[in-house]
Amino acid sequence: MNKTIAIAGLGSLLLASAGTANAQDGRFTWEGSIELQSDVLFDSSNPANELNDTYMTINGALSYAITSRTSVNASLVIEPIIGAVKDRVLEDHGLYAEELYFAHDFGPAEVVLGKFNPAFGAAWDLAPGLYGADFAEDYQLTERVGAAINIALPLGVGEHVLSFAAFNADRSIFSESLGRKRPQNNLSAGGVSNTSDPESFALSLMGEVGNTAYNIGIQNQARGVGDVTDQTGFVAGVVYVLGEGSSVPVELLGEVAYFDAFGGVRADATIATFGAAFAVGPATVSGVYAVRDIQNAPTDHLATLSVEVPVTDSLSTTIGYRYGREAGDRNHTLGSVLTYEF
């Protein structure tokens, strides 16, 4: 194992929203993955939490090149629309468009218009293991409508991209889902960045130098109906490959995000994620510790351990353990996932 995981993940964050899909099949290209996952919350200090949940997650990324520099892009997702409240097997799935945007490459800069995921943080994508990204996903920016510009910075060493996005939450028909119904979003639903105009923004600097990848970001999400104030956030993260070139390199990840008025209420929040991954033969072993500290609420803790084993070039399987102390409850979960990438 080497820094491929970190840099590949970084590349997806920097360029996925800029329509730079491979063109081996001509103007139209696509890629995706299918995951079959089973989570068994087998022990909890609150027995009502205990359940078995088996579900699928299907992701598809589509791109059509209008010209050599201009493309239209979409990311489609099939997954459970609501969380499990009792045992279920392959229920509550819906299809929705996570992204749908135009992109144009001007050379040193790329511009995105439409529905996309603004860049902010990376642990929600790069934290290793089956459950390692659970807390970081709380601040992932998805399904926003607006514009973004990604600028490559020629700093003389490494690769660096500055990204700026102005946006609001999607309230179009594309905020609905097919199958298990997710209603169309509207202003009265409230929530930060759910405003009539693109009043929110995110600014991120991401890059790679040698065996280190980094990201720094700031965001301001305007208050929506029912919110007390805007949410302001800061994030900084790093992925470092220790012992690159040795027989057992270790990939280390750390990211900390701080929010003033998290969720539009007067409560500060800090979310930190720390992880490590290393190869044992063909398998990858990883562990994560994360903390979520929201003002006036019990501090949550997350500890995970996972083992991923490739079956073929396109097929892999992962087993994992998750300990979560959340909302005062102590939960133990065992999970497995079979992933096919195409």
Protein backbone atom coordinates (compact mmCIF):
# COMPACT_ATOMS: atom_id res chain seq x y z
CA MET A 1 0.00 0.00 0.00
CA ASN A 2 1.18 3.54 -0.71
CA LYS A 3 -0.22 7.01 -1.08
CA THR A 4 -2.44 5.93 -3.98
CA ILE A 5 -5.50 5.86 -1.70
CA ALA A 6 -4.91 9.37 -0.44
CA ILE A 7 -4.07 10.92 -3.77
CA ALA A 8 -6.82 9.12 -5.65
CA GLY A 9 -9.33 10.32 -3.09
CA LEU A 10 -7.91 13.82 -3.22
CA GLY A 11 -8.19 13.80 -7.00
CA SER A 12 -11.86 12.87 -6.82
CA LEU A 13 -12.52 15.75 -4.45
CA LEU A 14 -10.66 18.26 -6.60
CA LEU A 15 -11.82 17.22 -10.02
CA ALA A 16 -15.04 15.23 -9.79
CA SER A 17 -17.07 18.43 -9.86
CA ALA A 18 -15.18 19.63 -12.93
CA GLY A 19 -16.30 16.99 -15.42
CA THR A 20 -12.90 15.42 -16.08
CA ALA A 21 -14.13 11.88 -16.72
CA ASN A 22 -12.03 9.49 -18.82
CA ALA A 23 -12.92 9.43 -22.49
CA GLN A 24 -11.97 5.93 -23.55
CA ASP A 25 -15.53 5.28 -24.74
CA GLY A 26 -15.92 8.50 -26.71
CA ARG A 27 -18.17 11.37 -25.66
CA PHE A 28 -20.17 9.37 -23.11
CA THR A 29 -18.41 7.81 -20.12
CA TRP A 30 -19.63 6.21 -16.94
CA GLU A 31 -18.44 4.42 -13.84
CA GLY A 32 -19.97 3.28 -10.60
CA SER A 33 -20.17 0.81 -7.76
CA ILE A 34 -22.64 -1.58 -6.15
CA GLU A 35 -22.45 -2.33 -2.44
CA LEU A 36 -24.40 -4.94 -0.50
CA GLN A 37 -24.00 -4.16 3.19
CA SER A 38 -25.28 -5.73 6.38
CA ASP A 39 -25.06 -3.99 9.78
CA VAL A 40 -25.87 -5.87 12.96
CA LEU A 41 -26.16 -3.65 16.04
CA PHE A 42 -25.93 -6.59 18.42
CA ASP A 43 -25.42 -4.94 21.79
CA SER A 44 -26.52 -1.59 23.20
CA SER A 45 -27.00 0.05 26.57
CA ASN A 46 -30.43 0.86 25.11
CA PRO A 47 -31.85 -2.45 23.81
CA ALA A 48 -34.28 -0.57 21.57
CA ASN A 49 -31.29 0.30 19.36
CA GLU A 50 -30.50 -3.33 18.54
CA LEU A 51 -31.40 -4.32 14.97
CA ASN A 52 -30.21 -5.91 11.73
CA ASP A 53 -30.14 -3.83 8.55
CA THR A 54 -29.24 -5.21 5.11
CA TYR A 55 -29.29 -2.77 2.21
CA MET A 56 -27.73 -1.79 -1.11
CA THR A 57 -25.95 1.37 -2.19
CA ILE A 58 -25.52 1.93 -5.92
CA ASN A 59 -23.55 4.92 -7.22
CA GLY A 60 -23.27 5.89 -10.86
CA ALA A 61 -21.24 8.76 -12.33
CA LEU A 62 -22.17 9.76 -15.89
CA SER A 63 -20.51 12.31 -18.17
CA TYR A 64 -21.22 13.49 -21.71
CA ALA A 65 -18.60 15.61 -23.49
CA ILE A 66 -20.33 18.33 -25.50
CA THR A 67 -16.92 19.55 -26.65
CA SER A 68 -13.37 18.67 -25.62
CA ARG A 69 -13.69 21.25 -22.81
CA THR A 70 -17.39 21.27 -21.96
CA SER A 71 -19.40 18.45 -20.42
CA VAL A 72 -22.67 17.67 -18.68
CA ASN A 73 -22.37 15.37 -15.67
CA ALA A 74 -24.60 13.47 -13.28
CA SER A 75 -24.17 11.39 -10.13
CA LEU A 76 -27.06 9.03 -9.41
CA VAL A 77 -27.57 7.18 -6.13
CA ILE A 78 -29.80 4.33 -5.03
CA GLU A 79 -29.81 3.81 -1.26
CA PRO A 80 -32.20 3.65 1.71
CA ILE A 81 -33.94 7.02 1.96
CA ILE A 82 -34.69 6.70 5.68
CA GLY A 83 -32.74 5.16 8.54
CA ALA A 84 -33.67 1.77 9.95
CA VAL A 85 -35.88 1.75 13.05
CA LYS A 86 -36.38 -2.04 13.07
CA ASP A 87 -34.95 -5.10 11.34
CA ARG A 88 -35.15 -4.76 7.56
CA VAL A 89 -33.78 -6.44 4.44
CA LEU A 90 -33.49 -4.46 1.18
CA GLU A 91 -36.27 -2.03 2.07
CA ASP A 92 -36.86 1.74 1.72
CA HIS A 93 -34.56 2.24 -1.28
CA GLY A 94 -34.92 5.30 -3.50
CA LEU A 95 -33.17 6.74 -6.55
CA TYR A 96 -32.11 10.38 -6.64
CA ALA A 97 -29.71 12.68 -8.47
CA GLU A 98 -26.97 13.78 -6.09
CA GLU A 99 -25.32 15.90 -8.80
CA LEU A 100 -26.37 17.29 -12.18
CA TYR A 101 -24.15 20.02 -13.59
CA PHE A 102 -22.35 21.59 -16.55
CA ALA A 103 -18.56 21.97 -16.43
CA HIS A 104 -16.16 23.91 -18.65
CA ASP A 105 -12.39 23.65 -18.60
CA PHE A 106 -10.65 26.98 -19.26
CA GLY A 107 -7.19 25.46 -18.79
CA PRO A 108 -5.88 26.78 -15.49
CA ALA A 109 -9.43 26.96 -14.09
CA GLU A 110 -12.58 24.87 -14.33
CA VAL A 111 -16.10 26.22 -13.79
CA VAL A 112 -19.11 24.21 -12.60
CA LEU A 113 -22.78 25.28 -12.86
CA GLY A 114 -25.76 23.35 -11.54
CA LYS A 115 -26.30 20.85 -8.73
CA PHE A 116 -23.02 19.61 -7.23
CA ASN A 117 -21.14 18.82 -4.02
CA PRO A 118 -18.99 21.79 -2.93
CA ALA A 119 -15.52 20.96 -1.61
CA PHE A 120 -15.17 21.12 2.17
CA GLY A 121 -13.09 18.63 4.13
CA ALA A 122 -12.04 15.15 3.04
CA ALA A 123 -12.39 12.72 5.97
CA TRP A 124 -15.97 11.94 4.91
CA ASP A 125 -14.40 10.40 1.78
CA LEU A 126 -10.91 9.31 2.87
CA ALA A 127 -11.36 7.98 6.42
CA PRO A 128 -10.57 4.27 6.13
CA GLY A 129 -12.72 1.29 6.93
CA LEU A 130 -16.37 0.37 6.94
CA TYR A 131 -17.50 2.97 9.49
CA GLY A 132 -14.55 5.38 9.71
CA ALA A 133 -16.29 8.30 7.97
CA ASP A 134 -19.50 8.20 10.05
CA PHE A 135 -18.92 11.39 12.07
CA ALA A 136 -17.18 13.33 9.27
CA GLU A 137 -20.19 12.78 7.02
CA ASP A 138 -22.05 15.22 9.29
CA TYR A 139 -20.30 18.12 7.52
CA GLN A 140 -20.07 16.79 3.97
CA LEU A 141 -21.67 19.28 1.55
CA THR A 142 -23.99 17.57 -0.92
CA GLU A 143 -26.86 18.44 -3.25
CA ARG A 144 -26.22 22.17 -3.47
CA VAL A 145 -27.20 24.36 -6.43
CA GLY A 146 -24.98 27.20 -7.63
CA ALA A 147 -21.56 27.71 -9.18
CA ALA A 148 -17.98 26.75 -8.40
CA ILE A 149 -14.54 27.48 -9.76
CA ASN A 150 -11.49 25.23 -9.29
CA ILE A 151 -8.13 26.92 -9.92
CA ALA A 152 -4.85 25.01 -10.23
CA LEU A 153 -2.13 26.90 -8.36
CA PRO A 154 1.41 26.71 -9.85
CA LEU A 155 3.34 26.78 -6.57
CA GLY A 156 6.42 25.06 -7.97
CA VAL A 157 6.16 21.85 -5.96
CA GLY A 158 3.33 19.35 -5.75
CA GLU A 159 -0.24 19.90 -6.95
CA HIS A 160 -2.60 22.44 -5.40
CA VAL A 161 -6.16 23.48 -6.22
CA LEU A 162 -8.16 26.39 -4.82
CA SER A 163 -11.92 25.84 -4.95
CA PHE A 164 -14.65 28.42 -4.35
CA ALA A 165 -18.37 27.64 -4.45
CA ALA A 166 -21.48 29.78 -3.95
CA PHE A 167 -24.68 27.83 -3.44
CA ASN A 168 -28.02 27.11 -1.80
CA ALA A 169 -29.76 23.82 -1.06
CA ASP A 170 -31.49 22.12 -3.99
CA ARG A 171 -35.25 22.71 -4.04
CA SER A 172 -35.91 21.56 -7.61
CA ILE A 173 -37.68 18.36 -8.65
CA PHE A 174 -34.24 16.74 -8.48
CA SER A 175 -34.42 16.93 -4.68
CA GLU A 176 -37.13 14.24 -4.84
CA SER A 177 -36.51 10.51 -5.14
CA LEU A 178 -38.07 7.64 -7.08
CA GLY A 179 -39.04 4.43 -5.33
CA ARG A 180 -39.13 5.16 -1.59
CA LYS A 181 -40.46 8.70 -1.71
CA ARG A 182 -38.34 11.62 -0.58
CA PRO A 183 -40.45 14.78 -0.93
CA GLN A 184 -39.27 17.79 -2.88
CA ASN A 185 -37.37 20.22 -0.68
CA ASN A 186 -38.89 23.66 -0.04
CA LEU A 187 -38.01 26.84 1.84
CA SER A 188 -40.38 26.07 4.72
CA ALA A 189 -38.36 22.92 5.51
CA GLY A 190 -35.61 25.18 6.85
CA GLY A 191 -32.00 24.23 7.39
CA VAL A 192 -28.76 26.09 6.73
CA SER A 193 -28.17 27.05 3.07
CA ASN A 194 -31.85 26.39 2.30
CA THR A 195 -32.37 29.91 1.02
CA SER A 196 -33.97 31.47 -2.04
CA ASP A 197 -30.62 32.62 -3.46
CA PRO A 198 -27.02 31.29 -3.36
CA GLU A 199 -26.13 33.13 -0.15
CA SER A 200 -23.79 30.40 1.17
CA PHE A 201 -20.17 29.75 0.20
CA ALA A 202 -17.28 27.35 0.72
CA LEU A 203 -13.60 28.07 0.06
CA SER A 204 -11.09 25.21 0.09
CA LEU A 205 -7.39 24.73 -0.65
CA MET A 206 -6.37 21.15 -1.32
CA GLY A 207 -3.11 19.69 -2.50
CA GLU A 208 -0.43 17.05 -2.47
CA VAL A 209 3.31 17.37 -1.85
CA GLY A 210 5.38 14.20 -1.87
CA ASN A 211 3.75 11.65 0.42
CA THR A 212 1.46 14.20 2.08
CA ALA A 213 -2.01 15.35 1.03
CA TYR A 214 -3.77 18.22 2.79
CA ASN A 215 -6.97 20.25 2.78
CA ILE A 216 -7.97 23.54 4.44
CA GLY A 217 -11.43 25.03 4.17
CA ILE A 218 -13.91 27.61 5.40
CA GLN A 219 -17.65 27.76 4.87
CA ASN A 220 -20.58 29.98 5.69
CA GLN A 221 -24.06 28.55 5.27
CA ALA A 222 -26.83 31.13 5.47
CA ARG A 223 -29.64 30.47 7.92
CA GLY A 224 -32.90 29.07 6.65
CA VAL A 225 -36.44 29.21 8.02
CA GLY A 226 -36.38 28.45 11.75
CA ASP A 227 -32.62 28.87 12.13
CA VAL A 228 -31.26 31.36 14.64
CA THR A 229 -28.14 32.36 12.73
CA ASP A 230 -25.71 31.39 9.95
CA GLN A 231 -23.43 28.38 10.35
CA THR A 232 -19.71 29.12 9.96
CA GLY A 233 -17.20 26.30 9.74
CA PHE A 234 -13.47 25.67 9.45
CA VAL A 235 -11.71 22.42 8.55
CA ALA A 236 -8.10 21.24 8.24
CA GLY A 237 -6.92 17.76 7.39
CA VAL A 238 -3.86 15.81 6.34
CA VAL A 239 -3.08 12.34 4.97
CA TYR A 240 0.52 11.17 5.39
CA VAL A 241 2.15 7.92 4.26
CA LEU A 242 4.63 6.80 6.90
CA GLY A 243 7.41 4.55 5.65
CA GLU A 244 6.57 4.91 1.98
CA GLY A 245 8.56 2.35 0.01
CA SER A 246 9.01 0.09 3.04
CA SER A 247 7.50 -3.38 3.36
CA VAL A 248 4.66 -2.11 5.57
CA PRO A 249 3.84 1.56 4.92
CA VAL A 250 1.17 3.08 7.12
CA GLU A 251 -1.30 5.66 5.87
CA LEU A 252 -2.24 8.15 8.60
CA LEU A 253 -5.21 10.53 8.46
CA GLY A 254 -6.24 13.37 10.71
CA GLU A 255 -8.94 16.00 10.22
CA VAL A 256 -10.58 18.49 12.56
CA ALA A 257 -13.64 20.61 11.78
CA TYR A 258 -15.02 23.39 13.98
CA PHE A 259 -18.41 25.05 13.56
CA ASP A 260 -19.91 28.16 15.07
CA ALA A 261 -23.72 27.83 15.32
CA PHE A 262 -23.75 24.23 14.07
CA GLY A 263 -27.01 23.57 12.24
CA GLY A 264 -28.05 27.20 12.57
CA VAL A 265 -28.53 27.07 16.35
CA ARG A 266 -26.38 28.73 18.99
CA ALA A 267 -24.22 25.69 19.70
CA ASP A 268 -20.58 25.30 18.70
CA ALA A 269 -19.38 21.91 17.46
CA THR A 270 -16.05 20.18 16.95
CA ILE A 271 -15.72 16.97 14.94
CA ALA A 272 -12.33 15.24 14.75
CA THR A 273 -11.37 12.07 12.87
CA PHE A 274 -8.08 10.15 13.16
CA GLY A 275 -7.31 6.98 11.25
CA ALA A 276 -4.59 4.58 10.17
CA ALA A 277 -4.44 1.87 7.50
CA PHE A 278 -1.76 -0.65 6.53
CA ALA A 279 -1.43 -3.74 4.34
CA VAL A 280 -1.18 -7.29 5.65
CA GLY A 281 -0.59 -9.40 2.57
CA PRO A 282 -3.45 -8.69 0.15
CA ALA A 283 -5.66 -7.31 2.95
CA THR A 284 -5.87 -3.75 4.27
CA VAL A 285 -6.37 -3.33 8.02
CA SER A 286 -7.61 0.02 9.30
CA GLY A 287 -8.81 1.70 12.44
CA VAL A 288 -10.43 5.05 13.21
CA TYR A 289 -11.14 7.07 16.32
CA ALA A 290 -13.47 10.06 16.04
CA VAL A 291 -15.10 12.48 18.44
CA ARG A 292 -18.11 14.76 18.00
CA ASP A 293 -18.49 17.47 20.63
CA ILE A 294 -21.61 19.63 20.28
CA GLN A 295 -22.22 22.32 22.87
CA ASN A 296 -24.89 21.48 25.46
CA ALA A 297 -24.98 17.80 24.38
CA PRO A 298 -23.09 14.67 25.50
CA THR A 299 -19.81 14.17 23.66
CA ASP A 300 -19.99 11.32 21.14
CA HIS A 301 -17.14 8.88 20.51
CA LEU A 302 -16.51 6.46 17.63
CA ALA A 303 -13.97 3.64 17.39
CA THR A 304 -13.79 1.29 14.39
CA LEU A 305 -11.72 -1.62 13.11
CA SER A 306 -11.97 -2.98 9.56
CA VAL A 307 -10.34 -5.53 7.27
CA GLU A 308 -10.74 -5.20 3.49
CA VAL A 309 -9.79 -8.08 1.18
CA PRO A 310 -9.80 -7.88 -2.64
CA VAL A 311 -11.50 -10.79 -4.39
CA THR A 312 -10.86 -9.69 -7.97
CA ASP A 313 -9.77 -6.40 -9.58
CA SER A 314 -13.38 -5.19 -9.38
CA LEU A 315 -14.73 -7.08 -6.36
CA SER A 316 -13.79 -6.70 -2.70
CA THR A 317 -15.20 -7.58 0.69
CA THR A 318 -14.86 -5.74 4.01
CA ILE A 319 -15.76 -6.72 7.55
CA GLY A 320 -15.82 -4.19 10.36
CA TYR A 321 -16.56 -3.49 14.00
CA ARG A 322 -18.01 -0.21 15.27
CA TYR A 323 -18.23 1.08 18.82
CA GLY A 324 -20.24 4.25 19.20
CA ARG A 325 -21.08 6.24 22.30
CA GLU A 326 -23.78 8.48 20.89
CA ALA A 327 -26.52 10.48 22.63
CA GLY A 328 -25.58 8.74 25.86
CA ASP A 329 -26.00 5.21 24.44
CA ARG A 330 -23.18 2.68 23.99
CA ASN A 331 -23.63 0.69 20.79
CA HIS A 332 -21.65 -2.25 19.34
CA THR A 333 -22.06 -3.08 15.64
CA LEU A 334 -20.61 -5.76 13.36
CA GLY A 335 -20.88 -5.23 9.62
CA SER A 336 -19.85 -6.57 6.25
CA VAL A 337 -20.01 -5.22 2.74
CA LEU A 338 -19.43 -6.72 -0.70
CA THR A 339 -18.38 -4.06 -3.22
CA TYR A 340 -18.33 -4.34 -7.01
CA GLU A 341 -16.84 -1.46 -9.01
CA PHE A 342 -17.55 -1.04 -12.70
